[in-house]
Amino acid sequence: MECLWDIYGIIILPNEYLLGVKMEEKREKFVRLAEQRVNRALNDLRLIGNLSNRNAYSFTDEDVKKIFRTLQKELDQAKARFSDADGMSAGDFKL
């Protein structure tokens, strides 16, 4: 890598180097946050699955359909946001 020095003795790095570092930092941040958030979502999905215990909870088939319809809709919207910057959440879930 070719570096230049300014009149104060400070190294001037080429723009390609700076962009590469910034892109790597963005990648590391994405990976770190994606792993945390996906693992948290997986854990929450397992907890939702625990609600299927009829000895502990009372629910209707319509409740179950509404839960999974809402989850699928949010998942589809999240997936679309990776190709469409206009995707937004529809709000909080309520039974």
N, C-alpha and C. Protein backbone atom coordinates (compact mmCIF):
# COMPACT_ATOMS: atom_id res chain seq x y z
N MET A 1 0.85 -1.16 0.00
CA MET A 1 0.00 0.00 0.00
C MET A 1 0.89 1.23 0.00
N GLU A 2 0.57 2.14 -0.87
CA GLU A 2 1.35 3.36 -0.98
C GLU A 2 0.73 4.44 -0.11
N CYS A 3 1.50 4.95 0.84
CA CYS A 3 1.03 6.00 1.74
C CYS A 3 1.77 7.28 1.43
N LEU A 4 1.12 8.38 1.71
CA LEU A 4 1.74 9.69 1.56
C LEU A 4 1.79 10.35 2.92
N TRP A 5 2.72 11.29 3.09
CA TRP A 5 2.84 12.03 4.33
C TRP A 5 2.47 13.48 4.03
N ASP A 6 1.71 14.10 4.93
CA ASP A 6 1.42 15.51 4.72
C ASP A 6 2.53 16.34 5.37
N ILE A 7 2.41 17.64 5.31
CA ILE A 7 3.50 18.51 5.79
C ILE A 7 3.68 18.43 7.30
N TYR A 8 2.72 17.88 8.02
CA TYR A 8 2.83 17.76 9.48
C TYR A 8 3.30 16.37 9.91
N GLY A 9 3.65 15.55 8.93
CA GLY A 9 4.14 14.21 9.24
C GLY A 9 3.03 13.20 9.51
N ILE A 10 1.82 13.51 9.10
CA ILE A 10 0.68 12.61 9.29
C ILE A 10 0.52 11.76 8.03
N ILE A 11 0.28 10.47 8.23
CA ILE A 11 0.12 9.57 7.09
C ILE A 11 -1.22 9.84 6.41
N ILE A 12 -1.18 9.93 5.09
CA ILE A 12 -2.39 10.06 4.29
C ILE A 12 -2.60 8.74 3.58
N LEU A 13 -3.71 8.08 3.93
CA LEU A 13 -4.02 6.78 3.35
C LEU A 13 -4.88 6.95 2.11
N PRO A 14 -4.72 6.08 1.14
CA PRO A 14 -5.57 6.15 -0.07
C PRO A 14 -7.04 5.91 0.30
N ASN A 15 -7.95 6.52 -0.45
CA ASN A 15 -9.38 6.37 -0.20
C ASN A 15 -9.82 4.92 -0.26
N GLU A 16 -9.21 4.13 -1.13
CA GLU A 16 -9.59 2.73 -1.26
C GLU A 16 -9.37 1.99 0.07
N TYR A 17 -8.31 2.34 0.77
CA TYR A 17 -8.02 1.71 2.05
C TYR A 17 -9.08 2.10 3.08
N LEU A 18 -9.40 3.37 3.14
CA LEU A 18 -10.38 3.85 4.10
C LEU A 18 -11.74 3.23 3.84
N LEU A 19 -12.14 3.14 2.59
CA LEU A 19 -13.42 2.53 2.25
C LEU A 19 -13.43 1.05 2.61
N GLY A 20 -12.32 0.37 2.40
CA GLY A 20 -12.21 -1.04 2.74
C GLY A 20 -12.35 -1.27 4.23
N VAL A 21 -11.73 -0.41 5.03
CA VAL A 21 -11.82 -0.53 6.48
C VAL A 21 -13.26 -0.28 6.92
N LYS A 22 -13.87 0.76 6.40
CA LYS A 22 -15.23 1.08 6.78
C LYS A 22 -16.19 -0.04 6.39
N MET A 23 -16.01 -0.61 5.20
CA MET A 23 -16.86 -1.70 4.76
C MET A 23 -16.69 -2.92 5.67
N GLU A 24 -15.46 -3.19 6.09
CA GLU A 24 -15.21 -4.32 6.98
C GLU A 24 -15.86 -4.07 8.34
N GLU A 25 -15.81 -2.84 8.84
CA GLU A 25 -16.46 -2.52 10.10
C GLU A 25 -17.97 -2.69 9.99
N LYS A 26 -18.54 -2.28 8.87
CA LYS A 26 -19.97 -2.45 8.65
C LYS A 26 -20.34 -3.93 8.61
N ARG A 27 -19.51 -4.73 7.97
CA ARG A 27 -19.76 -6.17 7.88
C ARG A 27 -19.72 -6.80 9.27
N GLU A 28 -18.70 -6.44 10.05
CA GLU A 28 -18.57 -6.99 11.41
C GLU A 28 -19.77 -6.60 12.26
N LYS A 29 -20.22 -5.37 12.13
CA LYS A 29 -21.39 -4.91 12.89
C LYS A 29 -22.63 -5.68 12.46
N PHE A 30 -22.81 -5.87 11.14
CA PHE A 30 -23.96 -6.62 10.63
C PHE A 30 -23.96 -8.04 11.19
N VAL A 31 -22.83 -8.72 11.11
CA VAL A 31 -22.74 -10.11 11.57
C VAL A 31 -23.04 -10.18 13.07
N ARG A 32 -22.45 -9.28 13.84
CA ARG A 32 -22.66 -9.29 15.29
C ARG A 32 -24.13 -9.08 15.63
N LEU A 33 -24.75 -8.07 15.04
CA LEU A 33 -26.15 -7.77 15.34
C LEU A 33 -27.08 -8.84 14.79
N ALA A 34 -26.80 -9.36 13.59
CA ALA A 34 -27.65 -10.40 13.00
C ALA A 34 -27.64 -11.65 13.88
N GLU A 35 -26.47 -12.06 14.34
CA GLU A 35 -26.39 -13.24 15.19
C GLU A 35 -27.18 -13.04 16.48
N GLN A 36 -27.02 -11.89 17.11
CA GLN A 36 -27.74 -11.61 18.35
C GLN A 36 -29.25 -11.61 18.14
N ARG A 37 -29.69 -10.92 17.10
CA ARG A 37 -31.13 -10.76 16.88
C ARG A 37 -31.79 -12.04 16.41
N VAL A 38 -31.12 -12.79 15.54
CA VAL A 38 -31.71 -14.06 15.07
C VAL A 38 -31.77 -15.05 16.22
N ASN A 39 -30.73 -15.13 17.03
CA ASN A 39 -30.75 -16.04 18.17
C ASN A 39 -31.85 -15.66 19.16
N ARG A 40 -32.04 -14.35 19.38
CA ARG A 40 -33.12 -13.89 20.27
C ARG A 40 -34.49 -14.26 19.68
N ALA A 41 -34.65 -14.07 18.37
CA ALA A 41 -35.92 -14.42 17.70
C ALA A 41 -36.18 -15.92 17.79
N LEU A 42 -35.15 -16.73 17.58
CA LEU A 42 -35.31 -18.19 17.68
C LEU A 42 -35.74 -18.60 19.08
N ASN A 43 -35.14 -17.99 20.08
CA ASN A 43 -35.51 -18.29 21.45
C ASN A 43 -36.97 -17.90 21.70
N ASP A 44 -37.37 -16.73 21.23
CA ASP A 44 -38.75 -16.29 21.41
C ASP A 44 -39.73 -17.20 20.67
N LEU A 45 -39.35 -17.69 19.50
CA LEU A 45 -40.21 -18.64 18.78
C LEU A 45 -40.38 -19.94 19.57
N ARG A 46 -39.31 -20.38 20.20
CA ARG A 46 -39.42 -21.58 21.05
C ARG A 46 -40.37 -21.33 22.21
N LEU A 47 -40.32 -20.13 22.78
CA LEU A 47 -41.22 -19.79 23.87
C LEU A 47 -42.67 -19.74 23.39
N ILE A 48 -42.90 -19.25 22.17
CA ILE A 48 -44.25 -19.27 21.60
C ILE A 48 -44.71 -20.72 21.45
N GLY A 49 -43.81 -21.60 21.02
CA GLY A 49 -44.15 -23.02 20.91
C GLY A 49 -44.56 -23.61 22.24
N ASN A 50 -43.98 -23.12 23.33
CA ASN A 50 -44.36 -23.61 24.66
C ASN A 50 -45.82 -23.30 24.99
N LEU A 51 -46.40 -22.30 24.33
CA LEU A 51 -47.80 -21.96 24.57
C LEU A 51 -48.75 -23.05 24.08
N SER A 52 -48.26 -24.03 23.37
CA SER A 52 -49.10 -25.11 22.85
C SER A 52 -49.51 -26.10 23.94
N ASN A 53 -48.99 -25.96 25.14
CA ASN A 53 -49.31 -26.86 26.24
C ASN A 53 -50.75 -26.60 26.72
N ARG A 54 -51.67 -27.48 26.31
CA ARG A 54 -53.09 -27.30 26.67
C ARG A 54 -53.35 -27.52 28.15
N ASN A 55 -52.43 -28.14 28.87
CA ASN A 55 -52.59 -28.30 30.31
C ASN A 55 -52.36 -26.98 31.05
N ALA A 56 -51.62 -26.08 30.41
CA ALA A 56 -51.30 -24.80 31.06
C ALA A 56 -52.06 -23.62 30.47
N TYR A 57 -52.53 -23.76 29.22
CA TYR A 57 -53.14 -22.62 28.52
C TYR A 57 -54.42 -23.04 27.81
N SER A 58 -55.29 -22.08 27.64
CA SER A 58 -56.52 -22.28 26.87
C SER A 58 -56.47 -21.37 25.65
N PHE A 59 -56.66 -21.95 24.47
CA PHE A 59 -56.60 -21.17 23.24
C PHE A 59 -57.46 -21.84 22.18
N THR A 60 -57.83 -21.05 21.19
CA THR A 60 -58.65 -21.57 20.08
C THR A 60 -57.78 -21.76 18.85
N ASP A 61 -58.31 -22.49 17.89
CA ASP A 61 -57.61 -22.63 16.61
C ASP A 61 -57.44 -21.28 15.93
N GLU A 62 -58.43 -20.40 16.12
CA GLU A 62 -58.34 -19.06 15.54
C GLU A 62 -57.18 -18.27 16.17
N ASP A 63 -56.96 -18.44 17.49
CA ASP A 63 -55.82 -17.79 18.15
C ASP A 63 -54.51 -18.23 17.51
N VAL A 64 -54.39 -19.54 17.29
CA VAL A 64 -53.16 -20.11 16.70
C VAL A 64 -52.95 -19.58 15.29
N LYS A 65 -54.04 -19.56 14.49
CA LYS A 65 -53.93 -19.04 13.13
C LYS A 65 -53.50 -17.58 13.12
N LYS A 66 -54.07 -16.80 14.04
CA LYS A 66 -53.74 -15.38 14.10
C LYS A 66 -52.27 -15.17 14.49
N ILE A 67 -51.79 -15.94 15.44
CA ILE A 67 -50.38 -15.85 15.85
C ILE A 67 -49.47 -16.10 14.66
N PHE A 68 -49.69 -17.23 13.98
CA PHE A 68 -48.77 -17.61 12.90
C PHE A 68 -48.96 -16.78 11.65
N ARG A 69 -50.17 -16.28 11.42
CA ARG A 69 -50.39 -15.36 10.30
C ARG A 69 -49.61 -14.06 10.53
N THR A 70 -49.65 -13.56 11.76
CA THR A 70 -48.94 -12.33 12.11
C THR A 70 -47.43 -12.52 12.03
N LEU A 71 -46.95 -13.64 12.56
CA LEU A 71 -45.51 -13.91 12.50
C LEU A 71 -45.03 -14.03 11.05
N GLN A 72 -45.80 -14.74 10.22
CA GLN A 72 -45.41 -14.90 8.82
C GLN A 72 -45.42 -13.57 8.09
N LYS A 73 -46.40 -12.74 8.36
CA LYS A 73 -46.48 -11.42 7.73
C LYS A 73 -45.25 -10.58 8.09
N GLU A 74 -44.89 -10.57 9.36
CA GLU A 74 -43.72 -9.80 9.82
C GLU A 74 -42.44 -10.36 9.22
N LEU A 75 -42.33 -11.68 9.14
CA LEU A 75 -41.15 -12.30 8.55
C LEU A 75 -41.05 -11.95 7.07
N ASP A 76 -42.17 -11.98 6.35
CA ASP A 76 -42.17 -11.60 4.94
C ASP A 76 -41.77 -10.14 4.75
N GLN A 77 -42.26 -9.26 5.64
CA GLN A 77 -41.91 -7.85 5.55
C GLN A 77 -40.43 -7.63 5.84
N ALA A 78 -39.90 -8.33 6.83
CA ALA A 78 -38.47 -8.19 7.15
C ALA A 78 -37.62 -8.66 5.98
N LYS A 79 -38.01 -9.77 5.35
CA LYS A 79 -37.27 -10.29 4.20
C LYS A 79 -37.31 -9.30 3.05
N ALA A 80 -38.46 -8.69 2.83
CA ALA A 80 -38.61 -7.73 1.73
C ALA A 80 -37.75 -6.49 1.94
N ARG A 81 -37.50 -6.13 3.18
CA ARG A 81 -36.71 -4.93 3.46
C ARG A 81 -35.26 -5.07 2.99
N PHE A 82 -34.80 -6.29 2.82
CA PHE A 82 -33.44 -6.48 2.33
C PHE A 82 -33.32 -6.13 0.85
N SER A 83 -34.45 -6.04 0.16
CA SER A 83 -34.41 -5.64 -1.24
C SER A 83 -35.23 -4.38 -1.49
N ASP A 84 -35.96 -3.92 -0.47
CA ASP A 84 -36.82 -2.75 -0.60
C ASP A 84 -36.67 -1.88 0.64
N ALA A 85 -36.10 -0.70 0.48
CA ALA A 85 -35.85 0.19 1.61
C ALA A 85 -37.13 0.78 2.19
N ASP A 86 -38.28 0.63 1.53
CA ASP A 86 -39.52 1.23 2.00
C ASP A 86 -40.30 0.33 2.97
N GLY A 87 -39.85 -0.89 3.23
CA GLY A 87 -40.60 -1.81 4.10
C GLY A 87 -40.62 -1.34 5.54
N MET A 88 -41.79 -1.31 6.13
CA MET A 88 -41.94 -0.88 7.52
C MET A 88 -42.82 -1.86 8.28
N SER A 89 -42.63 -1.94 9.59
CA SER A 89 -43.43 -2.81 10.44
C SER A 89 -44.86 -2.29 10.54
N ALA A 90 -45.81 -3.21 10.60
CA ALA A 90 -47.21 -2.83 10.68
C ALA A 90 -47.62 -2.49 12.11
N GLY A 91 -46.79 -2.76 13.11
CA GLY A 91 -47.14 -2.45 14.49
C GLY A 91 -47.01 -3.65 15.39
N ASP A 92 -47.52 -3.50 16.61
CA ASP A 92 -47.45 -4.55 17.61
C ASP A 92 -48.57 -5.56 17.42
N PHE A 93 -48.32 -6.76 17.90
CA PHE A 93 -49.29 -7.86 17.82
C PHE A 93 -50.25 -7.80 18.98
N LYS A 94 -51.54 -8.02 18.71
CA LYS A 94 -52.57 -8.12 19.75
C LYS A 94 -53.51 -9.25 19.38
N LEU A 95 -53.89 -10.05 20.36
CA LEU A 95 -54.89 -11.12 20.14
C LEU A 95 -56.28 -10.53 20.24
